[in-house]
Each structure stands twice: as structure tokens, then as C-alpha cells.
Protein backbone atom coordinates (compact mmCIF):
# COMPACT_ATOMS: atom_id res chain seq x y z
CA UNK A 1 141.71 123.12 131.03
CA UNK A 2 141.92 121.25 134.34
CA UNK A 3 145.27 120.43 135.89
CA UNK A 4 146.87 117.14 134.86
CA UNK A 5 145.86 115.08 137.87
CA UNK A 6 145.76 111.28 138.06
CA UNK A 7 142.46 109.53 137.56
CA UNK A 8 140.74 107.84 140.52
CA UNK A 9 141.99 104.33 141.29
CA UNK A 10 145.14 104.87 139.24
CA UNK A 11 148.40 103.16 140.26
CA UNK A 12 150.88 105.10 142.39
CA UNK A 13 153.04 107.56 140.44
CA UNK A 14 151.20 107.22 137.11
CA UNK A 15 152.71 108.90 134.07
CA UNK A 16 151.22 112.33 133.33
CA UNK A 17 148.16 112.08 131.12
CA UNK A 18 146.99 115.52 130.01
CA UNK A 19 143.37 116.40 129.35
CA UNK A 20 142.50 116.93 125.70
CA UNK A 21 139.51 117.82 123.56
CA UNK A 22 138.58 116.24 120.26
CA UNK A 23 138.35 118.65 117.36
CA UNK A 24 137.93 118.44 113.63
CA UNK A 25 140.23 119.64 110.86
CA UNK A 26 138.91 123.20 111.02
CA UNK A 27 140.30 123.88 114.51
CA UNK A 28 143.83 125.27 114.96
CA UNK A 29 146.44 122.97 116.43
CA UNK A 30 146.70 123.59 120.18
CA UNK A 31 148.37 121.57 122.99
CA UNK A 32 144.97 120.61 124.46
CA UNK A 33 143.26 119.77 121.14
CA UNK A 34 143.42 116.45 119.27
CA UNK A 35 142.85 116.74 115.53
CA UNK A 36 142.67 114.08 112.83
CA UNK A 37 145.45 113.69 110.28
CA UNK A 38 144.81 115.44 106.96
CA UNK A 39 145.25 114.06 103.49
CA UNK A 40 144.12 111.15 101.36
CA UNK A 41 147.24 108.96 101.18
CA UNK A 42 148.11 108.63 104.84
CA UNK A 43 149.85 105.63 106.44
CA UNK A 44 147.74 102.89 107.99
CA UNK A 45 148.58 103.94 111.56
CA UNK A 46 147.29 107.46 110.92
CA UNK A 47 144.17 106.12 109.19
CA UNK A 48 143.45 103.93 112.22
CA UNK A 49 143.94 106.95 114.50
CA UNK A 50 141.51 108.96 112.34
CA UNK A 51 138.95 106.15 112.59
CA UNK A 52 139.14 106.03 116.40
CA UNK A 53 139.16 109.83 116.62
CA UNK A 54 136.01 109.97 114.49
CA UNK A 55 134.33 107.32 116.65
CA UNK A 56 135.12 109.27 119.82
CA UNK A 57 133.77 112.49 118.31
CA UNK A 58 130.59 110.75 117.19
CA UNK A 59 130.04 109.37 120.70
CA UNK A 60 130.38 112.83 122.26
CA UNK A 61 128.12 114.43 119.66
CA UNK A 62 125.46 111.76 120.20
CA UNK A 63 125.64 112.28 123.97
CA UNK A 64 125.02 116.01 123.56
CA UNK A 65 122.20 115.28 121.10
CA UNK A 66 120.51 113.07 123.70
CA UNK A 67 121.00 115.73 126.40
CA UNK A 68 119.53 118.41 124.12
CA UNK A 69 116.47 116.26 123.48
CA UNK A 70 115.95 115.72 127.20
CA UNK A 71 116.81 119.22 128.44
CA UNK A 72 116.19 122.06 126.01
CA UNK A 73 118.69 124.35 127.77
CA UNK A 74 121.48 122.62 125.80
CA UNK A 75 119.98 123.90 122.52
CA UNK A 76 121.22 127.45 123.08
CA UNK A 77 124.28 129.22 124.42
CA UNK A 78 124.45 129.07 128.21
CA UNK A 79 125.55 132.43 129.58
CA UNK A 80 127.44 132.22 132.84
CA UNK A 81 130.65 133.26 134.53
CA UNK A 82 133.03 130.25 134.61
CA UNK A 83 134.06 131.19 138.16
CA UNK A 84 130.46 130.76 139.32
CA UNK A 85 129.49 127.56 137.54
């Protein structure tokens, strides 16, 4: 994951805001991974979080779907050394 650096045009001395990835319930809990809350009877605050988390995941999945339709390279695994890309 990238270093926790401030975003462009942020105020001086902003609070640290770490990078994170959206995952689903199947992923293990990691410091860089945001997962939805599990269960059926969850408090309203957690249900709202799950709703926004699902919306964010859907947006990212739709973006990759559009990219895959435009450029077929995104339909398969891209082999490359991370140091070179």
C-alpha cells in the first residue's frame, strides 16, 4: 500500500488518512481492508455503513467493467513485476 501522504490541496497538517481497499465478507480482516459488518440484526449505524460500503464497491466494480469492455487486457491477469510497472 502507498504511504499515508496528504491529498493534494489539503489543509496544512491534516490528520493522517490511511489508504484502504474495499472488500467483501470473504476477505480476512487486515489494517488496509474495509469489510462490511456481518449479521442480520445490526444497529442502524452499522447498517448505514454497510449500505455506503456496498455502494462504493458497486462503483468500483462498474468502473472495472467499463474498462474491461473498452480494453480487453483487463479481462485477464496482467503479469508484471510491480517494481517495473
